[in-house]
N, C-alpha and C. Protein backbone atom coordinates (compact mmCIF):
# COMPACT_ATOMS: atom_id res chain seq x y z
N UNK A 1 109.98 91.23 114.08
CA UNK A 1 110.09 92.24 114.47
C UNK A 1 110.45 93.09 115.88
N UNK A 2 111.69 93.96 114.77
CA UNK A 2 112.67 94.94 115.88
C UNK A 2 111.45 96.50 117.62
N UNK A 3 111.04 95.99 117.83
CA UNK A 3 110.51 96.93 118.61
C UNK A 3 111.84 97.76 119.75
N UNK A 4 111.23 98.85 120.05
CA UNK A 4 111.84 99.71 120.75
C UNK A 4 111.83 98.54 122.74
N UNK A 5 112.27 98.22 123.48
CA UNK A 5 112.07 97.82 125.16
C UNK A 5 110.21 98.10 125.35
N UNK A 6 109.99 100.21 125.53
CA UNK A 6 109.64 100.72 125.54
C UNK A 6 108.39 101.01 124.89
N UNK A 7 108.57 100.30 123.89
CA UNK A 7 107.45 100.48 122.46
C UNK A 7 106.29 99.72 123.05
N UNK A 8 105.46 100.10 121.95
CA UNK A 8 104.29 98.73 121.85
C UNK A 8 103.69 99.14 120.50
N UNK A 9 103.30 97.72 119.95
CA UNK A 9 103.57 97.64 118.94
C UNK A 9 102.29 98.52 117.69
N UNK A 10 102.32 98.81 117.23
CA UNK A 10 101.76 100.01 116.91
C UNK A 10 99.57 99.94 116.16
N UNK A 11 98.85 100.29 116.23
CA UNK A 11 97.66 99.87 115.73
C UNK A 11 97.44 100.46 114.20
N UNK A 12 96.22 99.70 114.70
CA UNK A 12 95.92 99.70 112.95
C UNK A 12 94.19 99.72 112.45
N UNK A 13 93.65 100.69 112.37
CA UNK A 13 92.53 102.04 112.48
C UNK A 13 92.41 102.50 110.81
N UNK A 14 90.49 102.65 111.27
CA UNK A 14 90.57 102.91 109.79
C UNK A 14 90.97 104.39 109.35
N UNK A 15 91.35 105.23 108.65
CA UNK A 15 91.91 106.59 108.45
C UNK A 15 90.74 107.49 108.11
N UNK A 16 90.83 108.40 107.41
CA UNK A 16 89.75 109.96 107.22
C UNK A 16 90.82 110.72 106.24
N UNK A 17 90.04 112.00 105.72
CA UNK A 17 90.09 112.30 104.84
C UNK A 17 90.81 112.57 105.91
N UNK A 18 90.88 113.63 106.91
CA UNK A 18 92.36 114.03 107.72
C UNK A 18 93.26 114.01 108.26
N UNK A 19 93.59 113.01 107.34
CA UNK A 19 94.64 111.92 107.88
C UNK A 19 95.69 111.92 106.31
N UNK A 20 95.14 113.82 104.96
CA UNK A 20 95.11 113.48 104.43
C UNK A 20 96.66 114.16 103.83
N UNK A 21 97.12 114.81 104.78
CA UNK A 21 98.52 115.57 105.09
C UNK A 21 99.31 114.48 105.18
N UNK A 22 98.89 114.01 106.74
CA UNK A 22 100.13 112.75 107.06
C UNK A 22 100.59 112.27 106.23
N UNK A 23 99.66 111.64 105.74
CA UNK A 23 99.58 110.75 103.77
C UNK A 23 100.65 111.03 103.49
N UNK A 24 99.87 112.25 102.75
CA UNK A 24 101.66 113.24 101.13
C UNK A 24 103.17 113.19 102.07
N UNK A 25 103.15 113.17 103.53
CA UNK A 25 104.35 113.78 104.40
C UNK A 25 104.83 111.90 104.02
N UNK A 26 104.54 110.88 104.39
CA UNK A 26 105.40 110.27 104.78
C UNK A 26 105.15 109.34 102.65
N UNK A 27 104.55 109.12 102.17
CA UNK A 27 104.10 108.67 101.09
C UNK A 27 105.31 109.90 100.02
N UNK A 28 105.88 111.26 100.30
CA UNK A 28 106.84 111.82 100.21
C UNK A 28 108.09 111.36 100.42
N UNK A 29 108.24 110.59 101.71
CA UNK A 29 109.07 109.93 101.72
C UNK A 29 110.69 108.88 101.40
N UNK A 30 109.56 108.08 100.85
CA UNK A 30 109.77 106.61 99.98
C UNK A 30 109.46 106.55 98.18
N UNK A 31 109.08 107.94 98.28
CA UNK A 31 108.46 107.81 96.66
C UNK A 31 108.90 108.20 95.46
N UNK A 32 109.84 108.63 94.48
CA UNK A 32 110.15 109.58 93.76
C UNK A 32 109.17 110.98 93.70
N UNK A 33 107.94 110.35 93.03
CA UNK A 33 106.84 111.11 92.73
C UNK A 33 105.77 110.77 93.73
N UNK A 34 105.87 112.27 94.29
CA UNK A 34 105.16 113.05 95.75
C UNK A 34 104.21 112.56 95.25
N UNK A 35 102.79 111.98 96.32
CA UNK A 35 100.99 112.63 95.86
C UNK A 35 100.62 114.11 96.75
N UNK A 36 100.13 114.70 95.98
CA UNK A 36 100.06 115.69 96.83
C UNK A 36 98.66 115.42 98.47
N UNK A 37 98.80 116.19 99.15
CA UNK A 37 97.32 116.36 100.71
C UNK A 37 96.03 116.17 99.65
N UNK A 38 96.28 116.77 98.06
CA UNK A 38 94.77 116.94 98.21
C UNK A 38 94.58 115.93 96.86
N UNK A 39 95.12 115.06 96.75
CA UNK A 39 95.04 114.06 96.06
C UNK A 39 94.69 112.93 96.66
N UNK A 40 95.15 113.05 97.92
CA UNK A 40 95.05 111.80 98.84
C UNK A 40 93.88 112.25 99.28
N UNK A 41 93.20 113.28 100.04
CA UNK A 41 91.83 113.31 99.88
C UNK A 41 91.10 113.37 98.73
N UNK A 42 90.86 113.59 97.57
CA UNK A 42 90.20 113.53 96.73
C UNK A 42 90.42 111.93 97.05
N UNK A 43 91.10 110.81 96.16
CA UNK A 43 90.94 110.01 96.53
C UNK A 43 89.98 108.92 97.65
N UNK A 44 90.29 109.96 98.80
CA UNK A 44 89.46 109.02 99.55
C UNK A 44 88.16 109.53 100.04
N UNK A 45 87.89 109.46 98.78
CA UNK A 45 86.40 110.88 99.27
C UNK A 45 85.57 110.30 98.35
N UNK A 46 86.43 109.02 97.14
CA UNK A 46 85.59 108.36 95.93
C UNK A 46 84.77 107.36 96.95
N UNK A 47 84.09 106.62 96.40
CA UNK A 47 82.85 105.86 95.93
C UNK A 47 84.17 104.05 96.40
N UNK A 48 84.34 103.64 97.32
CA UNK A 48 85.06 102.18 96.61
C UNK A 48 86.43 101.52 97.30
N UNK A 49 86.45 103.12 98.02
CA UNK A 49 88.80 103.69 98.38
C UNK A 49 88.32 104.04 99.43
N UNK A 50 89.19 103.24 100.20
CA UNK A 50 89.61 102.97 102.05
C UNK A 50 91.37 102.82 102.28
N UNK A 51 91.33 103.57 103.22
CA UNK A 51 92.41 103.83 103.81
C UNK A 51 92.69 102.65 105.30
N UNK A 52 93.49 102.85 105.26
CA UNK A 52 94.36 101.67 107.27
C UNK A 52 95.04 102.39 107.36
N UNK A 53 95.42 102.88 108.37
CA UNK A 53 96.70 103.98 109.27
C UNK A 53 96.93 103.04 110.60
N UNK A 54 98.13 103.42 109.77
CA UNK A 54 98.82 102.27 111.45
C UNK A 54 99.50 103.34 112.39
N UNK A 55 99.57 103.58 113.27
CA UNK A 55 99.98 104.70 114.23
C UNK A 55 100.22 104.07 115.59
N UNK A 56 101.15 104.85 116.26
CA UNK A 56 101.78 104.82 117.16
C UNK A 56 100.38 104.32 119.16
N UNK A 57 100.77 103.09 119.63
CA UNK A 57 100.16 102.47 120.86
C UNK A 57 100.83 103.17 121.65
N UNK A 58 99.72 103.34 123.28
CA UNK A 58 100.11 103.30 124.46
C UNK A 58 99.79 105.38 124.89
N UNK A 59 100.11 105.50 126.12
CA UNK A 59 99.45 106.83 126.32
C UNK A 59 100.82 107.69 126.63
N UNK A 60 99.81 108.50 125.97
CA UNK A 60 100.82 109.73 125.69
C UNK A 60 101.09 109.86 123.85
N UNK A 61 100.51 108.68 123.45
CA UNK A 61 100.92 108.45 122.26
C UNK A 61 100.62 109.65 121.50
N UNK A 62 101.66 110.37 119.97
CA UNK A 62 100.18 110.79 118.96
C UNK A 62 98.99 110.84 117.87
N UNK A 63 98.26 110.21 117.81
CA UNK A 63 97.28 109.60 117.12
C UNK A 63 97.94 110.19 115.30
N UNK A 64 99.36 110.88 114.77
CA UNK A 64 100.09 110.92 113.50
C UNK A 64 99.79 109.65 113.39
N UNK A 65 99.73 109.62 111.64
CA UNK A 65 100.42 108.10 111.04
C UNK A 65 101.21 107.44 110.75
N UNK A 66 102.32 105.69 111.74
CA UNK A 66 103.10 105.91 110.50
C UNK A 66 103.37 105.31 109.32
N UNK A 67 101.94 104.76 109.17
CA UNK A 67 102.40 104.46 108.00
C UNK A 67 100.80 103.90 107.39
N UNK A 68 100.87 103.57 106.26
CA UNK A 68 99.31 104.34 105.64
C UNK A 68 99.67 102.59 104.55
N UNK A 69 98.02 102.45 103.90
CA UNK A 69 98.17 102.06 103.31
C UNK A 69 96.59 101.60 102.95
N UNK A 70 96.34 102.47 100.96
CA UNK A 70 95.01 102.75 100.72
C UNK A 70 94.54 102.10 99.81
N UNK A 71 93.53 102.06 99.59
CA UNK A 71 92.79 100.74 98.67
C UNK A 71 91.74 100.73 97.56
N UNK A 72 91.72 100.41 96.97
CA UNK A 72 89.86 100.47 95.93
C UNK A 72 90.01 99.38 95.91
N UNK A 73 88.19 98.96 95.98
CA UNK A 73 87.60 98.10 96.22
C UNK A 73 86.12 98.09 94.98
N UNK A 74 85.94 97.39 93.60
CA UNK A 74 85.42 97.65 92.93
C UNK A 74 85.15 96.19 92.69
N UNK A 75 83.89 95.55 93.22
CA UNK A 75 83.07 94.45 92.67
C UNK A 75 83.92 93.07 93.63
N UNK A 76 84.23 92.42 92.98
CA UNK A 76 84.54 91.47 94.17
C UNK A 76 86.62 91.22 93.92
N UNK A 77 87.06 92.38 93.84
CA UNK A 77 88.38 92.69 93.20
C UNK A 77 88.25 93.99 94.29
N UNK A 78 89.93 93.84 94.06
CA UNK A 78 90.58 95.75 95.15
C UNK A 78 92.02 95.22 94.50
N UNK A 79 92.80 96.35 94.75
CA UNK A 79 93.62 97.52 94.10
C UNK A 79 94.64 98.12 95.58
N UNK A 80 95.49 97.86 95.77
CA UNK A 80 95.84 98.60 96.69
C UNK A 80 96.71 99.24 96.03
N UNK A 81 97.21 100.82 96.28
CA UNK A 81 97.02 101.93 94.92
C UNK A 81 98.54 102.27 95.76
N UNK A 82 97.97 102.70 96.94
CA UNK A 82 99.78 102.77 97.36
C UNK A 82 100.04 102.57 99.12
N UNK A 83 101.18 101.81 99.39
CA UNK A 83 101.33 101.76 100.70
C UNK A 83 102.88 102.68 101.06
N UNK A 84 102.96 103.23 102.79
CA UNK A 84 103.98 103.45 102.58
C UNK A 84 104.52 103.60 103.63
N UNK A 85 105.21 103.59 104.67
CA UNK A 85 105.79 103.78 106.09
C UNK A 85 107.11 104.71 106.41
N UNK A 86 106.37 105.78 107.44
CA UNK A 86 107.63 106.87 107.87
C UNK A 86 108.60 106.18 107.70
N UNK A 87 109.89 106.80 107.38
CA UNK A 87 111.52 106.59 107.51
C UNK A 87 111.69 105.55 109.41
N UNK A 88 111.23 106.51 110.00
CA UNK A 88 111.93 106.37 111.11
C UNK A 88 111.67 105.14 111.84
N UNK A 89 109.98 104.15 111.18
CA UNK A 89 109.06 103.28 111.57
C UNK A 89 109.82 101.84 110.08
N UNK A 90 110.38 102.12 108.71
CA UNK A 90 110.67 101.03 108.64
C UNK A 90 111.72 100.00 108.53
N UNK A 91 111.78 98.92 108.70
CA UNK A 91 112.09 97.86 108.69
C UNK A 91 111.54 97.22 110.60
N UNK A 92 110.57 97.57 111.02
CA UNK A 92 109.97 97.01 112.06
C UNK A 92 108.26 96.18 111.67
N UNK A 93 108.17 96.21 110.37
CA UNK A 93 107.24 95.89 110.35
C UNK A 93 105.64 95.68 110.44
N UNK A 94 106.01 96.89 110.14
CA UNK A 94 104.66 97.62 109.48
C UNK A 94 104.24 97.94 108.48
N UNK A 95 104.55 97.66 108.05
CA UNK A 95 104.16 97.78 106.51
C UNK A 95 103.54 96.05 106.76
N UNK A 96 103.88 95.28 107.35
CA UNK A 96 103.06 93.94 107.19
C UNK A 96 101.77 94.28 107.38
N UNK A 97 102.35 94.63 108.97
CA UNK A 97 100.85 94.88 109.64
C UNK A 97 99.85 95.43 109.87
N UNK A 98 100.12 96.39 108.07
CA UNK A 98 99.38 97.14 107.30
C UNK A 98 98.22 96.28 106.24
N UNK A 99 99.85 95.37 106.02
CA UNK A 99 98.45 94.38 104.48
C UNK A 99 98.06 92.90 105.05
N UNK A 100 97.89 92.64 106.26
CA UNK A 100 97.59 92.28 106.55
C UNK A 100 96.08 92.58 107.09
N UNK A 101 95.33 93.51 107.65
CA UNK A 101 94.87 94.39 107.54
C UNK A 101 93.99 94.46 107.16
N UNK A 102 94.61 94.85 106.09
CA UNK A 102 94.12 94.92 105.38
C UNK A 102 93.42 93.63 104.60
N UNK A 103 93.64 93.37 103.92
CA UNK A 103 94.06 91.34 103.28
C UNK A 103 92.06 90.90 104.80
N UNK A 104 92.54 90.98 105.51
CA UNK A 104 91.40 91.07 106.64
C UNK A 104 90.36 92.13 106.12
N UNK A 105 90.15 92.55 105.94
CA UNK A 105 89.37 93.49 105.63
C UNK A 105 88.63 93.42 104.31
N UNK A 106 89.35 93.24 103.62
CA UNK A 106 88.89 92.65 101.81
C UNK A 106 88.28 91.44 101.44
N UNK A 107 88.69 90.62 102.94
CA UNK A 107 87.86 88.82 103.22
C UNK A 107 86.54 89.26 104.03
N UNK A 108 86.97 90.42 104.45
CA UNK A 108 86.14 90.32 104.99
C UNK A 108 84.05 90.68 103.82
N UNK A 109 84.91 91.63 103.64
CA UNK A 109 84.30 92.26 102.55
C UNK A 109 83.73 91.22 100.70
N UNK A 110 84.03 89.88 101.03
CA UNK A 110 84.13 89.12 100.22
C UNK A 110 85.05 89.01 98.34
N UNK A 111 86.19 89.69 98.98
CA UNK A 111 86.92 90.03 98.27
C UNK A 111 87.20 89.06 97.10
N UNK A 112 87.55 88.53 95.92
CA UNK A 112 88.05 87.37 95.89
C UNK A 112 89.41 87.72 95.13
N UNK A 113 89.59 88.86 94.79
CA UNK A 113 91.18 88.66 93.41
C UNK A 113 91.75 90.43 94.12
N UNK A 114 92.89 90.62 94.37
CA UNK A 114 93.97 92.03 95.44
C UNK A 114 94.92 91.43 94.79
N UNK A 115 94.86 92.84 93.85
CA UNK A 115 96.41 93.13 92.46
C UNK A 115 96.45 94.64 92.94
N UNK A 116 98.05 94.81 92.89
CA UNK A 116 98.66 95.45 92.99
C UNK A 116 100.40 95.71 92.10
N UNK A 117 100.59 96.58 91.68
CA UNK A 117 101.58 97.28 91.12
C UNK A 117 103.42 97.54 92.13
N UNK A 118 104.47 96.70 91.10
CA UNK A 118 105.56 96.80 92.54
C UNK A 118 106.51 96.99 91.36
N UNK A 119 107.26 98.43 91.37
CA UNK A 119 108.33 98.38 91.91
C UNK A 119 109.77 97.27 91.24
N UNK A 120 110.11 96.13 90.01
CA UNK A 120 111.13 95.67 90.09
C UNK A 120 112.04 95.28 90.53
N UNK A 121 112.28 96.64 91.40
CA UNK A 121 113.28 96.72 92.22
C UNK A 121 113.28 97.23 93.50
N UNK A 122 112.15 97.19 93.83
CA UNK A 122 112.12 97.58 95.34
C UNK A 122 111.66 96.06 95.97
N UNK A 123 113.44 95.60 96.30
CA UNK A 123 113.07 94.01 97.12
C UNK A 123 112.07 94.02 98.46
N UNK A 124 112.61 94.24 98.66
CA UNK A 124 111.54 94.44 100.04
C UNK A 124 110.79 95.12 99.96
N UNK A 125 109.75 95.81 99.45
CA UNK A 125 108.80 95.46 98.63
C UNK A 125 108.22 94.07 98.31
N UNK A 126 108.40 93.26 97.26
CA UNK A 126 108.37 92.38 97.02
C UNK A 126 108.39 91.33 97.65
N UNK A 127 109.40 91.12 98.60
CA UNK A 127 109.42 89.91 99.11
C UNK A 127 107.73 90.43 100.29
N UNK A 128 107.59 90.80 101.09
CA UNK A 128 107.03 91.31 101.27
C UNK A 128 105.84 89.99 100.96
N UNK A 129 105.43 91.24 99.62
CA UNK A 129 103.76 90.40 98.97
C UNK A 129 104.01 89.22 98.20
N UNK A 130 105.64 88.49 97.77
CA UNK A 130 105.27 87.15 98.03
C UNK A 130 104.51 86.11 100.03
N UNK A 131 105.63 86.44 100.15
CA UNK A 131 105.32 86.35 102.38
C UNK A 131 104.05 86.44 101.98
N UNK A 132 103.69 87.39 101.68
CA UNK A 132 101.75 87.02 101.63
C UNK A 132 100.69 86.56 100.28
N UNK A 133 101.28 85.62 100.13
CA UNK A 133 101.40 84.81 98.64
C UNK A 133 100.65 85.71 98.15
N UNK A 134 101.00 86.84 97.69
CA UNK A 134 100.47 87.56 95.73
C UNK A 134 101.36 86.89 95.14
N UNK A 135 101.21 86.27 93.56
CA UNK A 135 102.20 86.19 92.42
C UNK A 135 102.56 87.07 91.61
N UNK A 136 103.64 87.13 90.49
CA UNK A 136 103.70 88.69 89.62
C UNK A 136 102.71 87.62 88.33
N UNK A 137 101.63 88.44 87.63
CA UNK A 137 100.74 88.07 87.07
C UNK A 137 100.97 88.61 85.28
N UNK A 138 101.75 89.84 85.79
CA UNK A 138 102.15 90.74 84.11
C UNK A 138 102.83 91.98 84.25
N UNK A 139 103.64 92.37 83.56
CA UNK A 139 103.89 93.85 83.90
C UNK A 139 103.32 95.15 83.02
N UNK A 140 102.95 95.63 83.31
CA UNK A 140 102.61 97.20 83.06
C UNK A 140 104.47 97.56 82.23
N UNK A 141 104.03 97.87 81.22
CA UNK A 141 105.64 98.75 80.89
C UNK A 141 105.43 99.80 80.94
N UNK A 142 106.45 101.06 80.82
CA UNK A 142 106.24 102.65 81.53
C UNK A 142 105.38 103.77 82.67
N UNK A 143 105.20 102.20 83.25
CA UNK A 143 104.49 102.51 84.26
C UNK A 143 104.92 103.95 86.18
N UNK A 144 106.35 103.04 85.62
CA UNK A 144 106.94 104.49 86.57
C UNK A 144 107.53 105.92 86.08
N UNK A 145 107.47 106.66 85.90
CA UNK A 145 107.78 107.80 85.24
C UNK A 145 109.18 108.48 86.22
N UNK A 146 110.72 108.24 85.11
CA UNK A 146 111.62 108.32 86.08
C UNK A 146 112.23 109.54 84.85
N UNK A 147 113.15 110.62 85.18
CA UNK A 147 113.93 111.17 84.66
C UNK A 147 113.53 110.78 82.48
N UNK A 148 114.50 110.24 82.04
CA UNK A 148 113.91 110.87 81.03
C UNK A 148 113.30 109.30 80.54
N UNK A 149 113.34 108.80 81.72
CA UNK A 149 113.35 106.54 80.68
C UNK A 149 111.85 106.57 81.91
N UNK A 150 110.91 105.55 81.42
CA UNK A 150 109.78 105.26 82.73
C UNK A 150 110.01 103.25 82.88
N UNK A 151 110.23 103.36 83.87
CA UNK A 151 110.15 102.00 83.93
C UNK A 151 109.07 100.92 84.51
N UNK A 152 109.11 99.61 83.84
CA UNK A 152 107.73 98.98 84.28
C UNK A 152 107.24 98.91 85.72
N UNK A 153 106.68 98.47 85.62
CA UNK A 153 106.08 97.81 87.33
C UNK A 153 105.63 95.70 87.15
N UNK A 154 105.82 95.54 88.05
CA UNK A 154 105.18 94.00 88.05
C UNK A 154 103.58 93.98 89.01
N UNK A 155 102.92 93.43 87.93
CA UNK A 155 101.51 93.41 88.51
C UNK A 155 101.66 91.74 89.63
N UNK A 156 101.07 92.06 90.52
CA UNK A 156 100.63 90.89 91.22
C UNK A 156 99.35 90.67 92.02
N UNK A 157 99.58 89.27 92.04
CA UNK A 157 97.42 89.19 92.22
C UNK A 157 97.79 88.59 93.28
N UNK A 158 96.80 88.74 94.46
CA UNK A 158 96.73 87.37 95.47
C UNK A 158 94.88 86.90 95.20
N UNK A 159 94.93 85.81 95.36
CA UNK A 159 93.67 85.20 95.71
C UNK A 159 93.14 84.86 96.96
N UNK A 160 91.64 85.51 97.46
CA UNK A 160 91.42 85.29 98.74
C UNK A 160 90.32 83.70 98.92
N UNK A 161 89.94 83.94 97.89
CA UNK A 161 88.77 82.69 97.57
C UNK A 161 89.36 81.72 97.43
């Protein structure tokens, strides 16, 4: 992981509804269909939904998120709803840090399986998920709405137990 010599690795902590504005901004940088702050707040208010935020660490660092992962848990299964990292911090291992923290949290909560959907063209994300032992288990047709067409999503699963 490349880090600026004078910077410290980001920290990951539990996010709150007050992070919704920043999540909307970060999500907008990486996805063609932006989610609004209100959508994030509504999701975070639901039972079983939580988010982890990566934040810069060190004296004088802002508490503003540089990335986040949003998850939904139901019984012994969970779903990664979305993960995003601000452009400035991409390629520095922040997504991996977030996913590892999320998986540790889910394991501690006795979740058995974790699912996610990913754009088959998103090679960086697929590579990360494969490194974390996610495996393809299916496809959702018409999942990603683009201009006139709708692209499929690759469904991936990780068995934690």
